Protein backbone atom coordinates (compact mmCIF):
# COMPACT_ATOMS: atom_id res chain seq x y z
CA UNK A 1 6.59 -87.05 24.14
CA UNK A 2 6.88 -87.73 20.40
CA UNK A 3 8.94 -84.56 19.89
CA UNK A 4 11.33 -85.64 22.64
CA UNK A 5 11.64 -89.10 21.11
CA UNK A 6 12.36 -87.75 17.62
CA UNK A 7 14.82 -85.18 18.98
CA UNK A 8 16.69 -87.83 20.92
CA UNK A 9 16.80 -90.10 17.89
CA UNK A 10 18.13 -87.25 15.75
CA UNK A 11 20.88 -86.43 18.25
CA UNK A 12 21.91 -90.07 18.51
CA UNK A 13 22.13 -90.24 14.72
CA UNK A 14 24.17 -87.03 14.65
CA UNK A 15 26.54 -88.43 17.24
CA UNK A 16 26.93 -91.73 15.41
CA UNK A 17 27.36 -90.09 12.01
CA UNK A 18 29.56 -87.16 12.99
CA UNK A 19 32.53 -88.64 11.17
CA UNK A 20 30.53 -88.85 7.94
CA UNK A 21 29.94 -85.09 7.69
CA UNK A 22 31.73 -83.56 4.70
CA UNK A 23 31.97 -79.74 4.74
CA UNK A 24 32.38 -79.63 0.96
CA UNK A 25 28.98 -81.31 0.54
CA UNK A 26 27.03 -78.54 2.27
CA UNK A 27 26.40 -76.59 5.42
CA UNK A 28 26.15 -78.19 8.83
CA UNK A 29 22.65 -76.79 9.25
CA UNK A 30 21.40 -78.62 6.13
CA UNK A 31 23.05 -81.87 7.29
CA UNK A 32 21.50 -81.60 10.76
CA UNK A 33 18.10 -80.72 9.31
CA UNK A 34 18.22 -83.73 7.01
CA UNK A 35 19.04 -86.07 9.88
CA UNK A 36 16.23 -84.58 12.00
CA UNK A 37 13.77 -84.92 9.10
CA UNK A 38 14.79 -88.54 8.57
CA UNK A 39 14.35 -89.26 12.29
CA UNK A 40 10.80 -87.91 12.09
CA UNK A 41 10.04 -89.97 8.97
CA UNK A 42 11.44 -93.10 10.65
CA UNK A 43 9.28 -92.47 13.73
CA UNK A 44 6.19 -91.99 11.59
CA UNK A 45 6.81 -95.24 9.70
CA UNK A 46 7.26 -97.21 12.91
CA UNK A 47 3.81 -96.32 14.21
CA UNK A 48 1.29 -99.12 14.26
CA UNK A 49 -1.00 -99.40 11.28
CA UNK A 50 -4.32 -97.96 12.25
CA UNK A 51 -6.50 -98.07 9.19
CA UNK A 52 -10.23 -97.61 9.38
CA UNK A 53 -11.92 -99.16 6.35
CA UNK A 54 -14.19 -96.76 4.49
CA UNK A 55 -17.34 -98.66 5.44
CA UNK A 56 -16.57 -98.01 9.13
CA UNK A 57 -15.37 -94.42 8.72
CA UNK A 58 -16.86 -91.63 10.80
CA UNK A 59 -19.73 -89.31 9.99
CA UNK A 60 -20.27 -88.83 6.32
CA UNK A 61 -20.78 -86.15 4.99
CA UNK A 62 -19.84 -82.94 6.75
CA UNK A 63 -22.80 -81.62 8.72
CA UNK A 64 -22.23 -78.04 7.57
CA UNK A 65 -22.73 -78.76 3.86
CA UNK A 66 -25.95 -78.03 1.96
CA UNK A 67 -28.69 -80.67 2.24
CA UNK A 68 -28.45 -81.51 -1.47
CA UNK A 69 -24.71 -82.02 -1.13
CA UNK A 70 -25.22 -84.19 1.95
CA UNK A 71 -27.58 -86.47 0.01
CA UNK A 72 -25.19 -86.67 -2.93
CA UNK A 73 -22.26 -87.39 -0.62
CA UNK A 74 -24.17 -90.11 1.25
CA UNK A 75 -25.16 -91.79 -2.00
CA UNK A 76 -21.60 -91.62 -3.29
CA UNK A 77 -20.29 -93.02 0.00
CA UNK A 78 -22.78 -95.90 -0.22
CA UNK A 79 -21.72 -96.63 -3.82
CA UNK A 80 -18.02 -96.64 -2.87
CA UNK A 81 -18.63 -98.97 0.08
CA UNK A 82 -20.53 -101.37 -2.20
CA UNK A 83 -17.83 -101.24 -4.87
CA UNK A 84 -15.13 -101.91 -2.27
CA UNK A 85 -17.13 -104.83 -0.89
CA UNK A 86 -17.20 -106.36 -4.37
CA UNK A 87 -13.39 -106.42 -4.54
CA UNK A 88 -11.42 -109.43 -3.41
CA UNK A 89 -10.02 -109.22 0.13
CA UNK A 90 -6.44 -108.81 -1.13
CA UNK A 91 -7.30 -105.94 -3.47
CA UNK A 92 -9.52 -104.20 -0.93
CA UNK A 93 -6.90 -104.44 1.81
CA UNK A 94 -4.16 -103.02 -0.42
CA UNK A 95 -6.39 -100.13 -1.55
CA UNK A 96 -7.52 -99.35 2.00
CA UNK A 97 -3.93 -99.26 3.23
CA UNK A 98 -2.92 -96.99 0.33
CA UNK A 99 -5.80 -94.54 0.23
CA UNK A 100 -7.21 -94.60 3.75
CA UNK A 101 -4.04 -95.58 5.61
CA UNK A 102 -1.73 -93.28 3.67
CA UNK A 103 0.93 -95.95 3.12
CA UNK A 104 3.17 -96.16 0.09
CA UNK A 105 3.15 -99.30 -2.02
CA UNK A 106 6.51 -100.32 -0.54
CA UNK A 107 5.16 -99.88 2.99
CA UNK A 108 2.09 -101.95 2.10
CA UNK A 109 4.30 -104.72 0.71
CA UNK A 110 6.31 -104.80 3.96
CA UNK A 111 3.17 -104.67 6.13
CA UNK A 112 1.52 -107.52 4.25
CA UNK A 113 4.68 -109.53 3.68
CA UNK A 114 4.01 -109.56 -0.07
CA UNK A 115 6.28 -108.70 -3.02
CA UNK A 116 6.04 -105.10 -4.22
CA UNK A 117 4.91 -106.20 -7.68
CA UNK A 118 2.02 -108.14 -6.17
CA UNK A 119 0.86 -105.09 -4.21
CA UNK A 120 1.11 -102.87 -7.29
CA UNK A 121 -0.94 -105.35 -9.32
CA UNK A 122 -3.61 -105.65 -6.64
CA UNK A 123 -3.99 -101.88 -6.40
CA UNK A 124 -4.05 -101.41 -10.18
CA UNK A 125 -6.58 -104.19 -10.77
CA UNK A 126 -8.70 -103.06 -7.82
CA UNK A 127 -8.74 -99.48 -9.08
CA UNK A 128 -9.78 -100.67 -12.54
CA UNK A 129 -12.69 -102.58 -11.00
CA UNK A 130 -13.67 -99.54 -8.93
CA UNK A 131 -13.61 -97.30 -12.01
CA UNK A 132 -15.89 -99.69 -13.88
CA UNK A 133 -18.24 -100.05 -10.90
CA UNK A 134 -18.44 -96.35 -10.05
CA UNK A 135 -18.29 -94.84 -13.52
CA UNK A 136 -17.36 -91.21 -14.21
CA UNK A 137 -17.75 -88.72 -11.36
CA UNK A 138 -17.10 -85.24 -12.65
CA UNK A 139 -13.58 -86.23 -13.65
CA UNK A 140 -12.62 -87.07 -10.06
CA UNK A 141 -12.16 -90.82 -10.42
């Protein structure tokens, strides 16, 4: 169903933009591919935000890892959840949308109805607090 929707959207865009095609700018195939790619990106951005905060995420860690790794992963997960809980709601929400929701800062700003600069500041300040709270982790954080 999604493929049909994206294909239809791409063909409508092609039809509406046919007059804008310039042969000197490139091949028809590249132009059509770009329009199809943009239709898919637009469809992906229109989906409803479905973000699961880290503290409610599924099974942690992977069941097939070594027992020592499972313990380490569980402790790390617990520490991250605590550190996130210590953030202000605004900072936590922005970080969850960015890292667990996969949204760009511009998309977060639109979703929250906040200026882009505000979102950037919240993420930066929240990440600084998380770094202080979690400390070094093998160069990962």
